[in-house]
Amino acid sequence: VESGGGLVQPGGPLRLSCAASGFTLDDYVMGWFRQVPGKDDEYES
């Protein structure tokens, strides 16, 4: 479950968090990926 998104002005900061449940994160790689709205086929790692 992600949290922390919102509207921010250029140059500003924002912090996203991801909470995992149902398993522990040991031995996992966690990542953030983004998709521009309207560009469903384009993900950026």
ModelCIF file with pLDDT and N, C-alpha, C, O atoms, coordinates in Angstrom:
data_MODEL
#
_entry.id   MODEL 
#
_entity.id                         1 
_entity.type                       polymer 
_entity.pdbx_number_of_molecules   1 
#
_entity_poly.entity_id                      1 
_entity_poly.type                           'polypeptide(L)' 
_entity_poly.nstd_linkage                   no 
_entity_poly.nstd_monomer                   no 
_entity_poly.pdbx_seq_one_letter_code       VESGGGLVQPGGPLRLSCAASGFTLDDYVMGWFRQVPGKDDEYES 
_entity_poly.pdbx_seq_one_letter_code_can   VESGGGLVQPGGPLRLSCAASGFTLDDYVMGWFRQVPGKDDEYES 
_entity_poly.pdbx_strand_id                 A 
#
loop_
_entity_poly_seq.entity_id 
_entity_poly_seq.num 
_entity_poly_seq.mon_id 
_entity_poly_seq.hetero 
1 1  VAL n 
1 2  GLU n 
1 3  SER n 
1 4  GLY n 
1 5  GLY n 
1 6  GLY n 
1 7  LEU n 
1 8  VAL n 
1 9  GLN n 
1 10 PRO n 
1 11 GLY n 
1 12 GLY n 
1 13 PRO n 
1 14 LEU n 
1 15 ARG n 
1 16 LEU n 
1 17 SER n 
1 18 CYS n 
1 19 ALA n 
1 20 ALA n 
1 21 SER n 
1 22 GLY n 
1 23 PHE n 
1 24 THR n 
1 25 LEU n 
1 26 ASP n 
1 27 ASP n 
1 28 TYR n 
1 29 VAL n 
1 30 MET n 
1 31 GLY n 
1 32 TRP n 
1 33 PHE n 
1 34 ARG n 
1 35 GLN n 
1 36 VAL n 
1 37 PRO n 
1 38 GLY n 
1 39 LYS n 
1 40 ASP n 
1 41 ASP n 
1 42 GLU n 
1 43 TYR n 
1 44 GLU n 
1 45 SER n 
#
_struct_asym.id          A 
_struct_asym.entity_id   1 
#
loop_
_ma_qa_metric.id 
_ma_qa_metric.mode 
_ma_qa_metric.name 
_ma_qa_metric.software_group_id 
_ma_qa_metric.type 
1 global pLDDT . pLDDT 
2 local  pLDDT . pLDDT 
#
_ma_qa_metric_global.metric_id      1 
_ma_qa_metric_global.metric_value   91.51 
_ma_qa_metric_global.model_id       1 
_ma_qa_metric_global.ordinal_id     1 
#
loop_
_ma_qa_metric_local.label_asym_id 
_ma_qa_metric_local.label_comp_id 
_ma_qa_metric_local.label_seq_id 
_ma_qa_metric_local.metric_id 
_ma_qa_metric_local.metric_value 
_ma_qa_metric_local.model_id 
_ma_qa_metric_local.ordinal_id 
A VAL 1  2 96.00 1 1  
A GLU 2  2 97.00 1 2  
A SER 3  2 96.00 1 3  
A GLY 4  2 97.00 1 4  
A GLY 5  2 96.00 1 5  
A GLY 6  2 97.00 1 6  
A LEU 7  2 98.00 1 7  
A VAL 8  2 98.00 1 8  
A GLN 9  2 98.00 1 9  
A PRO 10 2 98.00 1 10 
A GLY 11 2 98.00 1 11 
A GLY 12 2 98.00 1 12 
A PRO 13 2 98.00 1 13 
A LEU 14 2 98.00 1 14 
A ARG 15 2 98.00 1 15 
A LEU 16 2 98.00 1 16 
A SER 17 2 98.00 1 17 
A CYS 18 2 97.00 1 18 
A ALA 19 2 95.00 1 19 
A ALA 20 2 92.00 1 20 
A SER 21 2 90.00 1 21 
A GLY 22 2 87.00 1 22 
A PHE 23 2 80.00 1 23 
A THR 24 2 79.00 1 24 
A LEU 25 2 80.00 1 25 
A ASP 26 2 83.00 1 26 
A ASP 27 2 87.00 1 27 
A TYR 28 2 92.00 1 28 
A VAL 29 2 95.00 1 29 
A MET 30 2 95.00 1 30 
A GLY 31 2 95.00 1 31 
A TRP 32 2 97.00 1 32 
A PHE 33 2 97.00 1 33 
A ARG 34 2 96.00 1 34 
A GLN 35 2 94.00 1 35 
A VAL 36 2 88.00 1 36 
A PRO 37 2 81.00 1 37 
A GLY 38 2 82.00 1 38 
A LYS 39 2 79.00 1 39 
A ASP 40 2 74.00 1 40 
A ASP 41 2 72.00 1 41 
A GLU 42 2 80.00 1 42 
A TYR 43 2 85.00 1 43 
A GLU 44 2 93.00 1 44 
A SER 45 2 96.00 1 45 
#
loop_
_atom_site.group_PDB 
_atom_site.id 
_atom_site.type_symbol 
_atom_site.label_atom_id 
_atom_site.label_alt_id 
_atom_site.label_comp_id 
_atom_site.label_asym_id 
_atom_site.label_entity_id 
_atom_site.label_seq_id 
_atom_site.pdbx_PDB_ins_code 
_atom_site.Cartn_x 
_atom_site.Cartn_y 
_atom_site.Cartn_z 
_atom_site.occupancy 
_atom_site.B_iso_or_equiv 
_atom_site.pdbx_formal_charge 
_atom_site.auth_seq_id 
_atom_site.auth_comp_id 
_atom_site.auth_asym_id 
_atom_site.auth_atom_id 
_atom_site.pdbx_PDB_model_num 
ATOM 1   N N  . VAL A 1 1  ? 0.850  -1.188  0.000   1.00 96.00 ? 1  VAL A N  1 
ATOM 2   C CA . VAL A 1 1  ? 0.000  0.000   0.000   1.00 96.00 ? 1  VAL A CA 1 
ATOM 3   C C  . VAL A 1 1  ? 0.884  1.235   0.000   1.00 96.00 ? 1  VAL A C  1 
ATOM 4   O O  . VAL A 1 1  ? 1.693  1.446   0.904   1.00 96.00 ? 1  VAL A O  1 
ATOM 5   N N  . GLU A 1 2  ? 0.710  2.052   -1.045  1.00 97.00 ? 2  GLU A N  1 
ATOM 6   C CA . GLU A 1 2  ? 1.472  3.290   -1.158  1.00 97.00 ? 2  GLU A CA 1 
ATOM 7   C C  . GLU A 1 2  ? 0.734  4.433   -0.481  1.00 97.00 ? 2  GLU A C  1 
ATOM 8   O O  . GLU A 1 2  ? -0.492 4.418   -0.373  1.00 97.00 ? 2  GLU A O  1 
ATOM 9   N N  . SER A 1 3  ? 1.486  5.417   -0.030  1.00 96.00 ? 3  SER A N  1 
ATOM 10  C CA . SER A 1 3  ? 0.912  6.631   0.531   1.00 96.00 ? 3  SER A CA 1 
ATOM 11  C C  . SER A 1 3  ? 1.878  7.778   0.309   1.00 96.00 ? 3  SER A C  1 
ATOM 12  O O  . SER A 1 3  ? 3.059  7.573   0.030   1.00 96.00 ? 3  SER A O  1 
ATOM 13  N N  . GLY A 1 4  ? 1.352  8.994   0.438   1.00 97.00 ? 4  GLY A N  1 
ATOM 14  C CA . GLY A 1 4  ? 2.204  10.173  0.373   1.00 97.00 ? 4  GLY A CA 1 
ATOM 15  C C  . GLY A 1 4  ? 2.118  10.970  -0.911  1.00 97.00 ? 4  GLY A C  1 
ATOM 16  O O  . GLY A 1 4  ? 2.750  12.020  -1.021  1.00 97.00 ? 4  GLY A O  1 
ATOM 17  N N  . GLY A 1 5  ? 1.361  10.507  -1.878  1.00 96.00 ? 5  GLY A N  1 
ATOM 18  C CA . GLY A 1 5  ? 1.240  11.264  -3.113  1.00 96.00 ? 5  GLY A CA 1 
ATOM 19  C C  . GLY A 1 5  ? 0.445  12.546  -2.905  1.00 96.00 ? 5  GLY A C  1 
ATOM 20  O O  . GLY A 1 5  ? -0.173 12.746  -1.859  1.00 96.00 ? 5  GLY A O  1 
ATOM 21  N N  . GLY A 1 6  ? 0.471  13.412  -3.915  1.00 97.00 ? 6  GLY A N  1 
ATOM 22  C CA . GLY A 1 6  ? -0.280 14.647  -3.838  1.00 97.00 ? 6  GLY A CA 1 
ATOM 23  C C  . GLY A 1 6  ? 0.242  15.675  -4.803  1.00 97.00 ? 6  GLY A C  1 
ATOM 24  O O  . GLY A 1 6  ? 1.004  15.370  -5.721  1.00 97.00 ? 6  GLY A O  1 
ATOM 25  N N  . LEU A 1 7  ? -0.181 16.903  -4.580  1.00 98.00 ? 7  LEU A N  1 
ATOM 26  C CA . LEU A 1 7  ? 0.197  18.030  -5.422  1.00 98.00 ? 7  LEU A CA 1 
ATOM 27  C C  . LEU A 1 7  ? 1.347  18.788  -4.760  1.00 98.00 ? 7  LEU A C  1 
ATOM 28  O O  . LEU A 1 7  ? 1.282  19.118  -3.576  1.00 98.00 ? 7  LEU A O  1 
ATOM 29  N N  . VAL A 1 8  ? 2.384  19.057  -5.522  1.00 98.00 ? 8  VAL A N  1 
ATOM 30  C CA . VAL A 1 8  ? 3.537  19.785  -4.997  1.00 98.00 ? 8  VAL A CA 1 
ATOM 31  C C  . VAL A 1 8  ? 4.031  20.748  -6.061  1.00 98.00 ? 8  VAL A C  1 
ATOM 32  O O  . VAL A 1 8  ? 3.923  20.472  -7.255  1.00 98.00 ? 8  VAL A O  1 
ATOM 33  N N  . GLN A 1 9  ? 4.570  21.870  -5.631  1.00 98.00 ? 9  GLN A N  1 
ATOM 34  C CA . GLN A 1 9  ? 5.088  22.847  -6.571  1.00 98.00 ? 9  GLN A CA 1 
ATOM 35  C C  . GLN A 1 9  ? 6.459  22.427  -7.094  1.00 98.00 ? 9  GLN A C  1 
ATOM 36  O O  . GLN A 1 9  ? 7.195  21.723  -6.404  1.00 98.00 ? 9  GLN A O  1 
ATOM 37  N N  . PRO A 1 10 ? 6.801  22.848  -8.290  1.00 98.00 ? 10 PRO A N  1 
ATOM 38  C CA . PRO A 1 10 ? 8.148  22.543  -8.809  1.00 98.00 ? 10 PRO A CA 1 
ATOM 39  C C  . PRO A 1 10 ? 9.221  23.009  -7.841  1.00 98.00 ? 10 PRO A C  1 
ATOM 40  O O  . PRO A 1 10 ? 9.160  24.104  -7.282  1.00 98.00 ? 10 PRO A O  1 
ATOM 41  N N  . GLY A 1 11 ? 10.199 22.144  -7.665  1.00 98.00 ? 11 GLY A N  1 
ATOM 42  C CA . GLY A 1 11 ? 11.282 22.429  -6.726  1.00 98.00 ? 11 GLY A CA 1 
ATOM 43  C C  . GLY A 1 11 ? 11.020 21.923  -5.331  1.00 98.00 ? 11 GLY A C  1 
ATOM 44  O O  . GLY A 1 11 ? 11.930 21.906  -4.502  1.00 98.00 ? 11 GLY A O  1 
ATOM 45  N N  . GLY A 1 12 ? 9.807  21.511  -5.049  1.00 98.00 ? 12 GLY A N  1 
ATOM 46  C CA . GLY A 1 12 ? 9.457  21.070  -3.706  1.00 98.00 ? 12 GLY A CA 1 
ATOM 47  C C  . GLY A 1 12 ? 9.742  19.609  -3.468  1.00 98.00 ? 12 GLY A C  1 
ATOM 48  O O  . GLY A 1 12 ? 10.073 18.865  -4.392  1.00 98.00 ? 12 GLY A O  1 
ATOM 49  N N  . PRO A 1 13 ? 9.608  19.195  -2.185  1.00 98.00 ? 13 PRO A N  1 
ATOM 50  C CA . PRO A 1 13 ? 9.836  17.803  -1.824  1.00 98.00 ? 13 PRO A CA 1 
ATOM 51  C C  . PRO A 1 13 ? 8.525  17.052  -1.605  1.00 98.00 ? 13 PRO A C  1 
ATOM 52  O O  . PRO A 1 13 ? 7.467  17.644  -1.392  1.00 98.00 ? 13 PRO A O  1 
ATOM 53  N N  . LEU A 1 14 ? 8.636  15.741  -1.663  1.00 98.00 ? 14 LEU A N  1 
ATOM 54  C CA . LEU A 1 14 ? 7.510  14.872  -1.345  1.00 98.00 ? 14 LEU A CA 1 
ATOM 55  C C  . LEU A 1 14 ? 8.086  13.529  -0.953  1.00 98.00 ? 14 LEU A C  1 
ATOM 56  O O  . LEU A 1 14 ? 9.101  13.093  -1.497  1.00 98.00 ? 14 LEU A O  1 
ATOM 57  N N  . ARG A 1 15 ? 7.441  12.881  -0.014  1.00 98.00 ? 15 ARG A N  1 
ATOM 58  C CA . ARG A 1 15 ? 7.922  11.573  0.443   1.00 98.00 ? 15 ARG A CA 1 
ATOM 59  C C  . ARG A 1 15 ? 6.834  10.534  0.258   1.00 98.00 ? 15 ARG A C  1 
ATOM 60  O O  . ARG A 1 15 ? 5.721  10.687  0.762   1.00 98.00 ? 15 ARG A O  1 
ATOM 61  N N  . LEU A 1 16 ? 7.159  9.488   -0.459  1.00 98.00 ? 16 LEU A N  1 
ATOM 62  C CA . LEU A 1 16 ? 6.250  8.363   -0.647  1.00 98.00 ? 16 LEU A CA 1 
ATOM 63  C C  . LEU A 1 16 ? 6.652  7.218   0.275   1.00 98.00 ? 16 LEU A C  1 
ATOM 64  O O  . LEU A 1 16 ? 7.834  6.992   0.537   1.00 98.00 ? 16 LEU A O  1 
ATOM 65  N N  . SER A 1 17 ? 5.649  6.509   0.757   1.00 98.00 ? 17 SER A N  1 
ATOM 66  C CA . SER A 1 17 ? 5.915  5.326   1.574   1.00 98.00 ? 17 SER A CA 1 
ATOM 67  C C  . SER A 1 17 ? 5.152  4.138   1.038   1.00 98.00 ? 17 SER A C  1 
ATOM 68  O O  . SER A 1 17 ? 4.090  4.278   0.430   1.00 98.00 ? 17 SER A O  1 
ATOM 69  N N  . CYS A 1 18 ? 5.715  2.963   1.275   1.00 97.00 ? 18 CYS A N  1 
ATOM 70  C CA . CYS A 1 18 ? 5.088  1.721   0.839   1.00 97.00 ? 18 CYS A CA 1 
ATOM 71  C C  . CYS A 1 18 ? 5.118  0.760   2.014   1.00 97.00 ? 18 CYS A C  1 
ATOM 72  O O  . CYS A 1 18 ? 6.186  0.391   2.501   1.00 97.00 ? 18 CYS A O  1 
ATOM 73  N N  . ALA A 1 19 ? 3.947  0.363   2.459   1.00 95.00 ? 19 ALA A N  1 
ATOM 74  C CA . ALA A 1 19 ? 3.844  -0.560  3.586   1.00 95.00 ? 19 ALA A CA 1 
ATOM 75  C C  . ALA A 1 19 ? 3.495  -1.951  3.074   1.00 95.00 ? 19 ALA A C  1 
ATOM 76  O O  . ALA A 1 19 ? 2.538  -2.131  2.321   1.00 95.00 ? 19 ALA A O  1 
ATOM 77  N N  . ALA A 1 20 ? 4.283  -2.921  3.495   1.00 92.00 ? 20 ALA A N  1 
ATOM 78  C CA . ALA A 1 20 ? 4.046  -4.300  3.090   1.00 92.00 ? 20 ALA A CA 1 
ATOM 79  C C  . ALA A 1 20 ? 3.355  -5.064  4.208   1.00 92.00 ? 20 ALA A C  1 
ATOM 80  O O  . ALA A 1 20 ? 3.688  -4.897  5.381   1.00 92.00 ? 20 ALA A O  1 
ATOM 81  N N  . SER A 1 21 ? 2.412  -5.887  3.850   1.00 90.00 ? 21 SER A N  1 
ATOM 82  C CA . SER A 1 21 ? 1.736  -6.743  4.824   1.00 90.00 ? 21 SER A CA 1 
ATOM 83  C C  . SER A 1 21 ? 1.572  -8.135  4.243   1.00 90.00 ? 21 SER A C  1 
ATOM 84  O O  . SER A 1 21 ? 1.499  -8.311  3.026   1.00 90.00 ? 21 SER A O  1 
ATOM 85  N N  . GLY A 1 22 ? 1.515  -9.103  5.111   1.00 87.00 ? 22 GLY A N  1 
ATOM 86  C CA . GLY A 1 22 ? 1.354  -10.473 4.666   1.00 87.00 ? 22 GLY A CA 1 
ATOM 87  C C  . GLY A 1 22 ? 2.659  -11.179 4.381   1.00 87.00 ? 22 GLY A C  1 
ATOM 88  O O  . GLY A 1 22 ? 2.671  -12.385 4.138   1.00 87.00 ? 22 GLY A O  1 
ATOM 89  N N  . PHE A 1 23 ? 3.757  -10.446 4.406   1.00 80.00 ? 23 PHE A N  1 
ATOM 90  C CA . PHE A 1 23 ? 5.069  -11.060 4.242   1.00 80.00 ? 23 PHE A CA 1 
ATOM 91  C C  . PHE A 1 23 ? 6.121  -10.092 4.780   1.00 80.00 ? 23 PHE A C  1 
ATOM 92  O O  . PHE A 1 23 ? 5.861  -8.898  4.928   1.00 80.00 ? 23 PHE A O  1 
ATOM 93  N N  . THR A 1 24 ? 7.295  -10.613 5.067   1.00 79.00 ? 24 THR A N  1 
ATOM 94  C CA . THR A 1 24 ? 8.387  -9.742  5.484   1.00 79.00 ? 24 THR A CA 1 
ATOM 95  C C  . THR A 1 24 ? 9.271  -9.454  4.282   1.00 79.00 ? 24 THR A C  1 
ATOM 96  O O  . THR A 1 24 ? 9.341  -10.237 3.335   1.00 79.00 ? 24 THR A O  1 
ATOM 97  N N  . LEU A 1 25 ? 9.941  -8.314  4.343   1.00 80.00 ? 25 LEU A N  1 
ATOM 98  C CA . LEU A 1 25 ? 10.677 -7.840  3.185   1.00 80.00 ? 25 LEU A CA 1 
ATOM 99  C C  . LEU A 1 25 ? 12.057 -8.461  3.026   1.00 80.00 ? 25 LEU A C  1 
ATOM 100 O O  . LEU A 1 25 ? 12.737 -8.229  2.027   1.00 80.00 ? 25 LEU A O  1 
ATOM 101 N N  . ASP A 1 26 ? 12.473 -9.262  4.025   1.00 83.00 ? 26 ASP A N  1 
ATOM 102 C CA . ASP A 1 26 ? 13.777 -9.895  3.929   1.00 83.00 ? 26 ASP A CA 1 
ATOM 103 C C  . ASP A 1 26 ? 13.895 -10.678 2.620   1.00 83.00 ? 26 ASP A C  1 
ATOM 104 O O  . ASP A 1 26 ? 12.972 -11.382 2.211   1.00 83.00 ? 26 ASP A O  1 
ATOM 105 N N  . ASP A 1 27 ? 15.066 -10.534 1.971   1.00 87.00 ? 27 ASP A N  1 
ATOM 106 C CA . ASP A 1 27 ? 15.343 -11.268 0.722   1.00 87.00 ? 27 ASP A CA 1 
ATOM 107 C C  . ASP A 1 27 ? 14.471 -10.806 -0.446  1.00 87.00 ? 27 ASP A C  1 
ATOM 108 O O  . ASP A 1 27 ? 14.298 -11.527 -1.429  1.00 87.00 ? 27 ASP A O  1 
ATOM 109 N N  . TYR A 1 28 ? 13.937 -9.616  -0.327  1.00 92.00 ? 28 TYR A N  1 
ATOM 110 C CA . TYR A 1 28 ? 13.189 -9.031  -1.433  1.00 92.00 ? 28 TYR A CA 1 
ATOM 111 C C  . TYR A 1 28 ? 13.886 -7.764  -1.925  1.00 92.00 ? 28 TYR A C  1 
ATOM 112 O O  . TYR A 1 28 ? 14.622 -7.102  -1.193  1.00 92.00 ? 28 TYR A O  1 
ATOM 113 N N  . VAL A 1 29 ? 13.628 -7.461  -3.170  1.00 95.00 ? 29 VAL A N  1 
ATOM 114 C CA . VAL A 1 29 ? 13.969 -6.160  -3.730  1.00 95.00 ? 29 VAL A CA 1 
ATOM 115 C C  . VAL A 1 29 ? 12.664 -5.367  -3.844  1.00 95.00 ? 29 VAL A C  1 
ATOM 116 O O  . VAL A 1 29 ? 11.664 -5.845  -4.380  1.00 95.00 ? 29 VAL A O  1 
ATOM 117 N N  . MET A 1 30 ? 12.711 -4.171  -3.333  1.00 95.00 ? 30 MET A N  1 
ATOM 118 C CA . MET A 1 30 ? 11.543 -3.295  -3.404  1.00 95.00 ? 30 MET A CA 1 
ATOM 119 C C  . MET A 1 30 ? 11.851 -2.170  -4.377  1.00 95.00 ? 30 MET A C  1 
ATOM 120 O O  . MET A 1 30 ? 12.995 -1.729  -4.491  1.00 95.00 ? 30 MET A O  1 
ATOM 121 N N  . GLY A 1 31 ? 10.830 -1.714  -5.071  1.00 95.00 ? 31 GLY A N  1 
ATOM 122 C CA . GLY A 1 31 ? 11.092 -0.673  -6.043  1.00 95.00 ? 31 GLY A CA 1 
ATOM 123 C C  . GLY A 1 31 ? 9.932  0.271   -6.222  1.00 95.00 ? 31 GLY A C  1 
ATOM 124 O O  . GLY A 1 31 ? 8.796  -0.003  -5.834  1.00 95.00 ? 31 GLY A O  1 
ATOM 125 N N  . TRP A 1 32 ? 10.265 1.401   -6.829  1.00 97.00 ? 32 TRP A N  1 
ATOM 126 C CA . TRP A 1 32 ? 9.268  2.394   -7.214  1.00 97.00 ? 32 TRP A CA 1 
ATOM 127 C C  . TRP A 1 32 ? 9.304  2.547   -8.731  1.00 97.00 ? 32 TRP A C  1 
ATOM 128 O O  . TRP A 1 32 ? 10.363 2.667   -9.347  1.00 97.00 ? 32 TRP A O  1 
ATOM 129 N N  . PHE A 1 33 ? 8.113  2.538   -9.303  1.00 97.00 ? 33 PHE A N  1 
ATOM 130 C CA . PHE A 1 33 ? 7.955  2.665   -10.744 1.00 97.00 ? 33 PHE A CA 1 
ATOM 131 C C  . PHE A 1 33 ? 6.892  3.721   -10.994 1.00 97.00 ? 33 PHE A C  1 
ATOM 132 O O  . PHE A 1 33 ? 6.023  3.943   -10.150 1.00 97.00 ? 33 PHE A O  1 
ATOM 133 N N  . ARG A 1 34 ? 6.955  4.363   -12.131 1.00 96.00 ? 34 ARG A N  1 
ATOM 134 C CA . ARG A 1 34 ? 5.961  5.390   -12.379 1.00 96.00 ? 34 ARG A CA 1 
ATOM 135 C C  . ARG A 1 34 ? 5.412  5.293   -13.790 1.00 96.00 ? 34 ARG A C  1 
ATOM 136 O O  . ARG A 1 34 ? 6.067  4.813   -14.715 1.00 96.00 ? 34 ARG A O  1 
ATOM 137 N N  . GLN A 1 35 ? 4.183  5.771   -13.915 1.00 94.00 ? 35 GLN A N  1 
ATOM 138 C CA . GLN A 1 35 ? 3.471  5.747   -15.184 1.00 94.00 ? 35 GLN A CA 1 
ATOM 139 C C  . GLN A 1 35 ? 2.806  7.093   -15.368 1.00 94.00 ? 35 GLN A C  1 
ATOM 140 O O  . GLN A 1 35 ? 2.059  7.558   -14.507 1.00 94.00 ? 35 GLN A O  1 
ATOM 141 N N  . VAL A 1 36 ? 3.086  7.708   -16.497 1.00 88.00 ? 36 VAL A N  1 
ATOM 142 C CA . VAL A 1 36 ? 2.480  9.000   -16.786 1.00 88.00 ? 36 VAL A CA 1 
ATOM 143 C C  . VAL A 1 36 ? 1.010  8.784   -17.127 1.00 88.00 ? 36 VAL A C  1 
ATOM 144 O O  . VAL A 1 36 ? 0.697  7.919   -17.945 1.00 88.00 ? 36 VAL A O  1 
ATOM 145 N N  . PRO A 1 37 ? 0.097  9.547   -16.520 1.00 81.00 ? 37 PRO A N  1 
ATOM 146 C CA . PRO A 1 37 ? -1.320 9.395   -16.839 1.00 81.00 ? 37 PRO A CA 1 
ATOM 147 C C  . PRO A 1 37 ? -1.579 9.529   -18.329 1.00 81.00 ? 37 PRO A C  1 
ATOM 148 O O  . PRO A 1 37 ? -1.079 10.450  -18.974 1.00 81.00 ? 37 PRO A O  1 
ATOM 149 N N  . GLY A 1 38 ? -2.356 8.612   -18.868 1.00 82.00 ? 38 GLY A N  1 
ATOM 150 C CA . GLY A 1 38 ? -2.672 8.628   -20.286 1.00 82.00 ? 38 GLY A CA 1 
ATOM 151 C C  . GLY A 1 38 ? -1.701 7.848   -21.139 1.00 82.00 ? 38 GLY A C  1 
ATOM 152 O O  . GLY A 1 38 ? -1.944 7.645   -22.329 1.00 82.00 ? 38 GLY A O  1 
ATOM 153 N N  . LYS A 1 39 ? -0.609 7.409   -20.555 1.00 79.00 ? 39 LYS A N  1 
ATOM 154 C CA . LYS A 1 39 ? 0.389  6.625   -21.290 1.00 79.00 ? 39 LYS A CA 1 
ATOM 155 C C  . LYS A 1 39 ? 0.479  5.253   -20.638 1.00 79.00 ? 39 LYS A C  1 
ATOM 156 O O  . LYS A 1 39 ? 1.442  4.937   -19.939 1.00 79.00 ? 39 LYS A O  1 
ATOM 157 N N  . ASP A 1 40 ? -0.534 4.456   -20.881 1.00 74.00 ? 40 ASP A N  1 
ATOM 158 C CA . ASP A 1 40 ? -0.667 3.189   -20.178 1.00 74.00 ? 40 ASP A CA 1 
ATOM 159 C C  . ASP A 1 40 ? 0.451  2.193   -20.479 1.00 74.00 ? 40 ASP A C  1 
ATOM 160 O O  . ASP A 1 40 ? 0.709  1.299   -19.673 1.00 74.00 ? 40 ASP A O  1 
ATOM 161 N N  . ASP A 1 41 ? 1.112  2.332   -21.614 1.00 72.00 ? 41 ASP A N  1 
ATOM 162 C CA . ASP A 1 41 ? 2.137  1.364   -21.987 1.00 72.00 ? 41 ASP A CA 1 
ATOM 163 C C  . ASP A 1 41 ? 3.534  1.784   -21.550 1.00 72.00 ? 41 ASP A C  1 
ATOM 164 O O  . ASP A 1 41 ? 4.508  1.076   -21.808 1.00 72.00 ? 41 ASP A O  1 
ATOM 165 N N  . GLU A 1 42 ? 3.634  2.921   -20.897 1.00 80.00 ? 42 GLU A N  1 
ATOM 166 C CA . GLU A 1 42 ? 4.954  3.435   -20.547 1.00 80.00 ? 42 GLU A CA 1 
ATOM 167 C C  . GLU A 1 42 ? 5.147  3.449   -19.041 1.00 80.00 ? 42 GLU A C  1 
ATOM 168 O O  . GLU A 1 42 ? 4.549  4.257   -18.329 1.00 80.00 ? 42 GLU A O  1 
ATOM 169 N N  . TYR A 1 43 ? 5.991  2.543   -18.568 1.00 85.00 ? 43 TYR A N  1 
ATOM 170 C CA . TYR A 1 43 ? 6.412  2.523   -17.177 1.00 85.00 ? 43 TYR A CA 1 
ATOM 171 C C  . TYR A 1 43 ? 7.879  2.919   -17.133 1.00 85.00 ? 43 TYR A C  1 
ATOM 172 O O  . TYR A 1 43 ? 8.663  2.531   -18.000 1.00 85.00 ? 43 TYR A O  1 
ATOM 173 N N  . GLU A 1 44 ? 8.234  3.672   -16.148 1.00 93.00 ? 44 GLU A N  1 
ATOM 174 C CA . GLU A 1 44 ? 9.639  3.986   -15.922 1.00 93.00 ? 44 GLU A CA 1 
ATOM 175 C C  . GLU A 1 44 ? 10.053 3.418   -14.573 1.00 93.00 ? 44 GLU A C  1 
ATOM 176 O O  . GLU A 1 44 ? 9.378  3.617   -13.563 1.00 93.00 ? 44 GLU A O  1 
ATOM 177 N N  . SER A 1 45 ? 11.157 2.718   -14.575 1.00 96.00 ? 45 SER A N  1 
ATOM 178 C CA . SER A 1 45 ? 11.724 2.218   -13.328 1.00 96.00 ? 45 SER A CA 1 
ATOM 179 C C  . SER A 1 45 ? 12.445 3.383   -12.656 1.00 96.00 ? 45 SER A C  1 
ATOM 180 O O  . SER A 1 45 ? 13.013 3.218   -11.576 1.00 96.00 ? 45 SER A O  1 
#
